[in-house]
Protein backbone atom coordinates (compact mmCIF):
# COMPACT_ATOMS: atom_id res chain seq x y z
CA MET A 1 -1.21 -7.85 -2.34
CA LYS A 2 1.36 -10.46 -1.27
CA ALA A 3 4.73 -9.65 -0.13
CA LYS A 4 6.21 -12.10 -2.68
CA ASP A 5 4.40 -10.13 -5.40
CA ILE A 6 5.64 -6.80 -3.94
CA ARG A 7 9.35 -7.98 -3.71
CA ASN A 8 9.22 -8.64 -7.45
CA LYS A 9 8.71 -5.07 -8.45
CA SER A 10 11.12 -2.31 -8.73
CA GLN A 11 11.64 0.67 -6.70
CA GLU A 12 9.86 3.15 -8.83
CA GLU A 13 6.83 0.57 -9.19
CA LEU A 14 6.66 0.42 -5.43
CA GLN A 15 6.65 4.16 -5.03
CA LYS A 16 3.81 4.49 -7.69
CA GLU A 17 1.71 1.71 -5.98
CA LEU A 18 2.21 3.38 -2.68
CA VAL A 19 0.87 6.69 -3.92
CA GLU A 20 -2.20 5.03 -5.46
CA LEU A 21 -2.97 3.07 -2.29
CA LYS A 22 -2.59 6.16 -0.23
CA SER A 23 -5.07 7.90 -2.66
CA GLU A 24 -7.50 5.00 -2.40
CA LEU A 25 -7.40 4.94 1.47
CA PHE A 26 -8.27 8.77 1.45
CA LYS A 27 -11.01 8.06 -0.69
CA LEU A 28 -12.32 4.82 1.43
CA ARG A 29 -11.93 6.90 4.75
CA PHE A 30 -14.19 9.65 3.22
CA GLN A 31 -16.81 7.04 2.24
CA HIS A 32 -16.75 5.54 5.69
CA ALA A 33 -17.24 8.91 7.24
CA THR A 34 -20.27 9.48 5.03
CA ASN A 35 -21.70 6.07 5.65
CA GLN A 36 -21.26 5.02 2.00
CA LEU A 37 -18.45 2.45 2.33
CA GLU A 38 -20.14 -0.87 1.44
CA ASN A 39 -17.10 -3.26 2.57
CA PRO A 40 -15.39 -1.93 5.66
CA MET A 41 -12.71 -4.65 5.36
CA LYS A 42 -11.37 -2.81 2.35
CA LEU A 43 -9.97 -0.20 4.61
CA LYS A 44 -8.04 -2.91 6.61
CA ASP A 45 -6.80 -4.55 3.36
CA VAL A 46 -5.55 -1.11 1.95
CA LYS A 47 -3.66 -0.29 5.07
CA ARG A 48 -2.20 -3.66 5.40
CA SER A 49 -0.83 -3.36 1.59
CA ILE A 50 0.58 0.25 2.52
CA ALA A 51 2.45 -1.31 5.37
CA ARG A 52 3.77 -3.98 3.45
CA ILE A 53 5.19 -1.94 0.69
CA LYS A 54 6.67 0.42 3.33
CA THR A 55 8.38 -2.49 5.07
CA ILE A 56 9.94 -3.74 1.92
CA LEU A 57 11.04 -0.19 0.92
CA LYS A 58 12.71 0.10 4.28
CA GLU A 59 14.45 -3.25 4.07
CA ARG A 60 15.82 -2.51 0.59
CA GLU A 61 17.12 0.93 2.02
CA LEU A 62 18.81 -0.63 4.67
CA LYS A 63 20.38 -3.27 2.38
CA GLY A 64 21.19 -0.80 -0.06
CA ILE A 65 19.55 -2.71 -2.79
CA GLN A 66 18.04 -0.98 -5.80
CA VAL A 67 15.84 -3.38 -7.82
């Protein structure tokens, strides 16, 4: 997910997306631990998406913007 796409979403959408990504990360970690993960790069992509969303949420919090 690109930062540009994330910035166009509302606060509620970002919170929902964050919960979904965290759930997906948990499932991927479980698959990785049991050697069932087909694409290990998926872990990296999900972690980066979570970080991007958290960064944008923090930016909005500091600016006081509620989009």
